[in-house]
Amino acid sequence: MKVIKARSPFSAIINVAGQIETKVELFLWNKPDSIPATPNYTFSSKIVSVANPIGVYNLANEIQEFLNAIMPTTNGVINQQDSRLMWCNVQVKTYYKTATTFVLSQTLTYVAVNAYRSYQDGLQNTNTVTADVGYYFASDGNIEQNLPIGTYDANYKYPFIDLLIDKDVLVGAITIENGISGYNLTTGTGIDMYRIPILTVGTALTDSYLFKVKNGATKISEKQVNLICEVKYTPLLLSFIGKNGGWEHIYCFKAKEESIEIKDLEFKSNQNYFTFDANIGQRQTYNLNGKKSIKVNTGFVEETTNTLVEQLYLSETVTLDGLPVLLKGKATVLKQAIKEKNINYTFEFDYNFNLINDFI
């Protein structure tokens, strides 16, 4: 599978000698649907000039319409697939015209995720996205993870890794070391995204461990998992879509602070002069509603968490203990251990819904 990161521009490039016009047909579908009989989108354009005949079409916005971040309800069960809206199939057909009719130039097939490239990663187009890979980490598989000590519960919202696998291309089996036994990720055919709980199962989660994912005998990710004993506060799981298009997770172990803000429309009331009642005030409120905010603290974390903090601030989808939230503030300091012995991050969120349900 060739992977498109749809939050960054992805361009179809057509450059055939003598072309006077170009066309692109874009086919999009989510599994288990089949490729549509007709293209979802068709674009065409005449060349700018003979000196500059190249056709360039950015397809990223259209691709994103078939992607949607869905938070799993349970994460502690093996062989669970993520929602198939987390990724989509893409086929791009490019055409050129040198006379009177279009001629098919290329038919290219991809898989797209709601990820993005950094500036240093360079351009993304049909000439650069060529690597056909058997697996793709939609979540970071190497950054340290803190977990609260506790008894294993398959229905609890544990942090997990999103791993996209193309079983038709993959060479060797995907196995988990120091994780839940019983994974069977490579049987069958086709493409699927699996969520892999970052857990080692026992009667209690008490000892820190290295969580590894292997392809055959080759280690392809290694994550240090630290079990934290938090006796005073109830840890909250902060989850968000990260740079690679899958869910990332940070536990917030320390103190939280909640507040509410109320908004309304206020008008002077209009009492009947002859039925005056002193128990009725002179002002009346309408459209009264409110929202709740929360401030949380991560507790002490490693400096490598800076990578996740940066991705949190760039994320379009964030949840706190499974509830949708919006990050307050547009800036933060990425802390360094050389300056601060103990790194703690404080985040402020607005819950992304009104206290009174006014959804129509």
Protein backbone atom coordinates (compact mmCIF):
# COMPACT_ATOMS: atom_id res chain seq x y z
CA MET A 1 0.00 0.00 0.00
CA LYS A 2 1.11 3.54 -0.76
CA VAL A 3 0.09 5.93 2.02
CA ILE A 4 -1.23 9.47 1.48
CA LYS A 5 -1.17 11.90 4.41
CA ALA A 6 -4.32 13.83 3.58
CA ARG A 7 -3.89 16.87 5.85
CA SER A 8 -0.98 17.94 3.65
CA PRO A 9 -1.38 18.69 -0.06
CA PHE A 10 -1.29 15.65 -2.33
CA SER A 11 -0.92 16.49 -6.00
CA ALA A 12 -1.51 14.48 -9.13
CA ILE A 13 1.13 15.52 -11.65
CA ILE A 14 0.74 15.00 -15.40
CA ASN A 15 3.66 15.79 -17.69
CA VAL A 16 3.53 14.18 -21.12
CA ALA A 17 5.38 15.63 -24.09
CA GLY A 18 3.08 17.55 -26.38
CA GLN A 19 0.06 17.61 -24.06
CA ILE A 20 -2.40 20.47 -24.50
CA GLU A 21 -4.91 19.48 -21.81
CA THR A 22 -4.94 17.21 -18.74
CA LYS A 23 -7.61 15.43 -16.69
CA VAL A 24 -7.79 13.57 -13.35
CA GLU A 25 -10.43 11.12 -12.18
CA LEU A 26 -10.52 10.52 -8.43
CA PHE A 27 -12.18 7.41 -6.96
CA LEU A 28 -12.70 7.20 -3.16
CA TRP A 29 -14.25 4.48 -1.02
CA ASN A 30 -14.18 3.01 2.47
CA LYS A 31 -13.97 -0.69 3.18
CA PRO A 32 -16.09 -2.86 2.83
CA ASP A 33 -17.49 -0.86 -0.13
CA SER A 34 -16.13 -1.47 -3.61
CA ILE A 35 -14.55 1.06 -5.91
CA PRO A 36 -17.33 3.24 -7.40
CA ALA A 37 -18.28 2.66 -11.03
CA THR A 38 -17.82 6.35 -11.81
CA PRO A 39 -15.31 8.78 -10.30
CA ASN A 40 -16.28 10.79 -7.23
CA TYR A 41 -14.51 13.80 -8.71
CA THR A 42 -13.25 14.77 -12.16
CA PHE A 43 -10.91 17.67 -12.82
CA SER A 44 -9.55 18.97 -16.10
CA SER A 45 -7.52 21.93 -17.27
CA LYS A 46 -5.79 23.21 -20.36
CA ILE A 47 -2.05 23.79 -20.08
CA VAL A 48 -0.84 27.22 -18.98
CA SER A 49 1.56 27.53 -21.92
CA VAL A 50 3.76 25.42 -24.18
CA ALA A 51 6.70 26.45 -22.01
CA ASN A 52 4.86 25.30 -18.86
CA PRO A 53 2.63 22.36 -19.85
CA ILE A 54 2.60 20.44 -16.55
CA GLY A 55 -0.80 19.69 -14.99
CA VAL A 56 -0.93 19.78 -11.17
CA TYR A 57 -4.07 18.91 -9.17
CA ASN A 58 -4.25 19.02 -5.34
CA LEU A 59 -6.60 16.21 -4.25
CA ALA A 60 -6.14 16.36 -0.46
CA ASN A 61 -9.37 18.23 0.39
CA GLU A 62 -11.53 15.76 -1.51
CA ILE A 63 -9.76 12.78 0.09
CA GLN A 64 -10.39 14.15 3.59
CA GLU A 65 -14.15 13.93 3.02
CA PHE A 66 -13.84 10.14 3.33
CA LEU A 67 -11.88 10.25 6.61
CA ASN A 68 -13.39 10.55 10.07
CA ALA A 69 -11.82 10.12 13.50
CA ILE A 70 -13.83 7.54 15.45
CA MET A 71 -12.88 6.88 19.09
CA PRO A 72 -13.16 3.16 19.92
CA THR A 73 -15.44 2.29 22.82
CA THR A 74 -13.27 -0.54 24.15
CA ASN A 75 -9.53 -0.94 23.70
CA GLY A 76 -8.50 -3.94 25.79
CA VAL A 77 -9.68 -6.66 23.39
CA ILE A 78 -7.35 -8.40 20.95
CA ASN A 79 -7.74 -8.40 17.16
CA GLN A 80 -10.05 -5.38 17.20
CA GLN A 81 -10.10 -3.29 14.04
CA ASP A 82 -10.37 0.47 14.14
CA SER A 83 -13.24 2.14 12.35
CA ARG A 84 -12.77 1.89 8.59
CA LEU A 85 -13.51 5.62 8.42
CA MET A 86 -10.03 6.15 9.90
CA TRP A 87 -8.60 5.37 6.45
CA CYS A 88 -9.87 5.17 2.89
CA ASN A 89 -8.96 3.74 -0.48
CA VAL A 90 -7.90 6.10 -3.24
CA GLN A 91 -7.52 5.53 -6.96
CA VAL A 92 -6.20 8.27 -9.23
CA LYS A 93 -6.47 8.09 -13.00
CA THR A 94 -4.55 10.69 -14.98
CA TYR A 95 -5.18 11.58 -18.63
CA TYR A 96 -3.56 13.79 -21.22
CA LYS A 97 -4.68 15.16 -24.56
CA THR A 98 -2.36 15.88 -27.47
CA ALA A 99 -5.05 16.12 -30.16
CA THR A 100 -8.81 15.70 -29.77
CA THR A 101 -9.29 12.90 -27.20
CA PHE A 102 -7.95 12.12 -23.72
CA VAL A 103 -5.50 9.24 -23.36
CA LEU A 104 -5.12 7.34 -20.06
CA SER A 105 -1.65 7.98 -18.67
CA GLN A 106 -1.59 6.28 -15.23
CA THR A 107 -3.84 4.39 -12.83
CA LEU A 108 -2.50 4.73 -9.29
CA THR A 109 -3.89 3.19 -6.10
CA TYR A 110 -3.30 4.46 -2.55
CA VAL A 111 -4.51 4.33 1.04
CA ALA A 112 -5.14 7.68 2.77
CA VAL A 113 -5.07 8.56 6.46
CA ASN A 114 -5.82 11.83 8.28
CA ALA A 115 -2.12 12.55 8.79
CA TYR A 116 0.21 15.39 7.82
CA ARG A 117 3.78 15.97 6.73
CA SER A 118 6.21 18.42 8.30
CA TYR A 119 7.91 21.03 6.13
CA GLN A 120 11.12 19.00 6.23
CA ASP A 121 9.28 15.92 4.90
CA GLY A 122 8.97 17.67 1.54
CA LEU A 123 6.30 17.55 -1.15
CA GLN A 124 3.66 14.84 -1.51
CA ASN A 125 2.56 13.94 -5.00
CA THR A 126 2.18 11.06 -7.45
CA ASN A 127 5.92 11.21 -8.13
CA THR A 128 7.04 11.04 -4.48
CA VAL A 129 4.49 8.66 -2.86
CA THR A 130 5.86 5.48 -4.41
CA ALA A 131 6.90 3.22 -1.51
CA ASP A 132 4.68 0.12 -1.33
CA VAL A 133 4.72 -0.86 2.36
CA GLY A 134 3.21 -3.78 4.24
CA TYR A 135 2.54 -1.85 7.46
CA TYR A 136 2.18 1.76 8.56
CA PHE A 137 2.21 3.07 12.15
CA ALA A 138 -0.67 5.55 12.37
CA SER A 139 0.31 6.05 16.04
CA ASP A 140 3.80 6.59 17.40
CA GLY A 141 5.18 3.24 18.50
CA ASN A 142 8.22 4.47 20.44
CA ILE A 143 7.37 7.39 22.77
CA GLU A 144 7.25 6.44 26.48
CA GLN A 145 3.79 5.79 27.91
CA ASN A 146 2.65 6.15 31.53
CA LEU A 147 -0.22 3.94 32.73
CA PRO A 148 -2.02 3.89 36.09
CA ILE A 149 -1.53 0.79 38.21
CA GLY A 150 -4.71 -1.24 38.39
CA THR A 151 -6.51 -4.48 37.64
CA TYR A 152 -6.83 -5.34 33.94
CA ASP A 153 -10.30 -4.68 32.51
CA ALA A 154 -11.03 -5.44 28.83
CA ASN A 155 -13.70 -2.70 28.76
CA TYR A 156 -11.46 0.07 30.09
CA LYS A 157 -10.20 2.79 27.73
CA TYR A 158 -6.53 1.85 27.60
CA PRO A 159 -4.10 3.67 25.31
CA PHE A 160 -3.31 1.79 22.12
CA ILE A 161 -1.32 1.89 18.89
CA ASP A 162 -3.05 2.15 15.51
CA LEU A 163 -1.33 -0.09 12.96
CA LEU A 164 -2.42 -0.20 9.31
CA ILE A 165 -1.55 -3.53 7.64
CA ASP A 166 -1.64 -4.57 3.99
CA LYS A 167 -1.68 -8.36 4.21
CA ASP A 168 -1.13 -8.70 0.46
CA VAL A 169 2.19 -6.82 0.62
CA LEU A 170 3.42 -7.66 4.12
CA VAL A 171 6.33 -10.11 4.34
CA GLY A 172 6.48 -11.97 7.67
CA ALA A 173 4.05 -11.95 10.59
CA ILE A 174 3.31 -9.04 12.94
CA THR A 175 3.80 -10.15 16.56
CA ILE A 176 3.53 -8.44 19.94
CA GLU A 177 6.10 -8.88 22.71
CA ASN A 178 5.14 -8.09 26.31
CA GLY A 179 1.57 -7.43 25.19
CA ILE A 180 -1.71 -9.30 25.13
CA SER A 181 -1.25 -12.80 23.75
CA GLY A 182 -3.40 -14.15 20.95
CA TYR A 183 -2.89 -11.52 18.27
CA ASN A 184 -3.45 -12.74 14.74
CA LEU A 185 -3.03 -9.62 12.62
CA THR A 186 -1.74 -11.11 9.40
CA THR A 187 -4.23 -13.86 8.55
CA GLY A 188 -6.35 -13.22 5.47
CA THR A 189 -5.98 -10.65 2.73
CA GLY A 190 -6.49 -6.96 2.12
CA ILE A 191 -5.95 -3.87 4.24
CA ASP A 192 -7.14 -3.18 7.78
CA MET A 193 -6.21 -0.88 10.66
CA TYR A 194 -5.81 -2.62 14.02
CA ARG A 195 -5.73 -1.07 17.47
CA ILE A 196 -3.17 -2.75 19.70
CA PRO A 197 -3.63 -2.06 23.45
CA ILE A 198 -0.36 -1.12 25.14
CA LEU A 199 -0.84 -3.74 27.81
CA THR A 200 0.64 -6.82 29.33
CA VAL A 201 -2.22 -8.75 30.88
CA GLY A 202 -2.15 -10.20 34.38
CA THR A 203 -4.23 -10.06 37.49
CA ALA A 204 -2.86 -6.56 38.08
CA LEU A 205 -0.87 -4.00 36.14
CA THR A 206 1.98 -3.31 38.54
CA ASP A 207 5.36 -3.66 36.80
CA SER A 208 6.86 -1.45 34.10
CA TYR A 209 7.81 -3.18 30.84
CA LEU A 210 8.99 -2.75 27.24
CA PHE A 211 6.15 -3.09 24.73
CA LYS A 212 7.44 -4.28 21.36
CA VAL A 213 5.97 -4.87 17.92
CA LYS A 214 7.89 -7.13 15.54
CA ASN A 215 7.70 -7.94 11.84
CA GLY A 216 9.12 -11.44 11.68
CA ALA A 217 12.34 -11.27 13.73
CA THR A 218 12.74 -7.51 13.18
CA LYS A 219 11.68 -5.09 15.92
CA ILE A 220 9.67 -2.29 14.30
CA SER A 221 8.66 -0.41 17.46
CA GLU A 222 9.59 -0.37 21.14
CA LYS A 223 7.74 1.60 23.78
CA GLN A 224 8.73 1.91 27.44
CA VAL A 225 5.58 1.56 29.58
CA ASN A 226 5.74 2.91 33.13
CA LEU A 227 3.13 1.91 35.71
CA ILE A 228 2.34 4.87 37.98
CA CYS A 229 0.74 4.59 41.40
CA GLU A 230 -1.59 7.58 41.77
CA VAL A 231 -3.39 7.37 45.12
CA LYS A 232 -4.84 10.89 45.37
CA TYR A 233 -6.36 11.71 41.96
CA THR A 234 -8.27 9.82 39.29
CA PRO A 235 -6.17 9.76 36.07
CA LEU A 236 -7.84 11.08 32.92
CA LEU A 237 -6.98 9.72 29.46
CA LEU A 238 -6.29 12.47 26.91
CA SER A 239 -6.59 11.13 23.35
CA PHE A 240 -6.13 12.93 20.03
CA ILE A 241 -5.41 12.32 16.35
CA GLY A 242 -1.68 12.83 15.86
CA LYS A 243 0.71 13.50 13.03
CA ASN A 244 0.48 9.99 11.57
CA GLY A 245 -3.33 9.96 11.42
CA GLY A 246 -4.03 7.60 14.35
CA TRP A 247 -4.85 8.06 18.02
CA GLU A 248 -2.18 9.25 20.45
CA HIS A 249 -2.61 9.19 24.22
CA ILE A 250 -1.36 11.04 27.31
CA TYR A 251 -2.55 10.19 30.81
CA CYS A 252 -3.22 13.22 33.03
CA PHE A 253 -2.48 11.92 36.53
CA LYS A 254 -2.59 14.99 38.74
CA ALA A 255 -5.04 17.65 39.94
CA LYS A 256 -7.92 18.80 37.76
CA GLU A 257 -10.00 21.94 38.08
CA GLU A 258 -13.43 22.32 36.48
CA SER A 259 -15.41 25.50 35.89
CA ILE A 260 -18.58 26.55 34.08
CA GLU A 261 -19.46 29.64 32.06
CA ILE A 262 -23.04 30.73 31.43
CA LYS A 263 -24.29 32.85 28.52
CA ASP A 264 -27.76 34.27 27.89
CA LEU A 265 -29.71 37.12 26.37
CA GLU A 266 -31.12 39.55 28.93
CA PHE A 267 -34.05 41.92 28.37
CA LYS A 268 -36.18 44.16 30.55
CA SER A 269 -39.42 42.37 31.36
CA ASN A 270 -42.74 43.92 30.42
CA GLN A 271 -45.20 43.35 33.29
CA ASN A 272 -48.84 44.33 33.03
CA TYR A 273 -49.29 47.53 35.03
CA PHE A 274 -52.61 46.40 36.53
CA THR A 275 -51.34 42.93 37.59
CA PHE A 276 -48.01 44.07 39.01
CA ASP A 277 -46.25 41.36 41.04
CA ALA A 278 -43.16 42.27 43.08
CA ASN A 279 -42.06 38.62 43.00
CA ILE A 280 -41.44 38.94 39.26
CA GLY A 281 -38.16 40.71 38.50
CA GLN A 282 -37.60 43.50 36.04
CA ARG A 283 -35.25 41.49 33.83
CA GLN A 284 -35.85 38.29 31.88
CA THR A 285 -33.22 35.94 30.41
CA TYR A 286 -33.55 33.94 27.19
CA ASN A 287 -31.43 31.31 25.42
CA LEU A 288 -29.70 30.47 28.68
CA ASN A 289 -26.96 27.85 28.28
CA GLY A 290 -23.49 27.10 29.49
CA LYS A 291 -20.30 25.21 28.87
CA LYS A 292 -17.85 23.47 31.14
CA SER A 293 -14.07 23.86 31.12
CA ILE A 294 -11.38 21.76 32.72
CA LYS A 295 -7.73 22.23 33.60
CA VAL A 296 -5.61 19.07 33.91
CA ASN A 297 -2.03 18.18 34.78
CA THR A 298 0.00 15.34 33.31
CA GLY A 299 2.20 14.70 36.31
CA PHE A 300 5.90 14.15 35.70
CA VAL A 301 6.71 13.05 32.13
CA GLU A 302 9.83 12.51 30.03
CA GLU A 303 11.07 15.15 27.60
CA THR A 304 10.08 12.85 24.71
CA THR A 305 6.46 13.76 25.52
CA ASN A 306 7.17 17.10 23.79
CA THR A 307 6.56 15.34 20.48
CA LEU A 308 3.03 14.42 21.59
CA VAL A 309 2.38 17.89 23.04
CA GLU A 310 3.25 19.45 19.67
CA GLN A 311 0.89 17.03 17.92
CA LEU A 312 -1.85 17.78 20.46
CA TYR A 313 -1.71 21.48 19.59
CA LEU A 314 -1.94 20.63 15.88
CA SER A 315 -4.73 18.09 16.31
CA GLU A 316 -8.23 18.66 14.91
CA THR A 317 -9.81 15.95 17.11
CA VAL A 318 -9.26 15.73 20.88
CA THR A 319 -11.10 13.76 23.59
CA LEU A 320 -10.70 13.66 27.36
CA ASP A 321 -11.86 10.41 28.93
CA GLY A 322 -13.94 9.82 25.79
CA LEU A 323 -15.64 13.25 25.76
CA PRO A 324 -14.95 15.75 22.94
CA VAL A 325 -12.94 18.81 24.01
CA LEU A 326 -11.37 21.90 22.45
CA LEU A 327 -7.91 23.00 23.52
CA LYS A 328 -7.84 26.51 25.01
CA GLY A 329 -4.85 28.63 24.09
CA LYS A 330 -2.74 28.56 20.96
CA ALA A 331 0.76 28.41 22.46
CA THR A 332 2.80 26.48 25.01
CA VAL A 333 6.43 26.07 26.03
CA LEU A 334 7.99 22.73 25.07
CA LYS A 335 9.86 21.96 28.27
CA GLN A 336 13.43 20.67 28.56
CA ALA A 337 14.76 18.42 31.29
CA ILE A 338 18.02 20.41 31.41
CA LYS A 339 16.02 23.43 32.60
CA GLU A 340 13.32 21.67 34.62
CA LYS A 341 14.14 18.58 36.63
CA ASN A 342 10.51 17.50 36.69
CA ILE A 343 8.43 18.21 33.58
CA ASN A 344 4.70 18.66 34.09
CA TYR A 345 2.27 19.97 31.48
CA THR A 346 -0.95 21.81 32.29
CA PHE A 347 -3.67 21.81 29.62
CA GLU A 348 -6.94 23.72 29.58
CA PHE A 349 -9.95 22.49 27.60
CA ASP A 350 -13.52 23.48 26.88
CA TYR A 351 -15.89 20.53 26.64
CA ASN A 352 -17.16 20.65 23.06
CA PHE A 353 -20.89 20.64 23.88
CA ASN A 354 -23.38 22.80 25.76
CA LEU A 355 -24.57 21.85 29.25
CA ILE A 356 -28.17 22.04 28.01
CA ASN A 357 -28.62 19.89 24.94
CA ASP A 358 -29.87 22.24 22.22
CA PHE A 359 -28.91 20.08 19.24
CA ILE A 360 -31.56 20.23 16.51
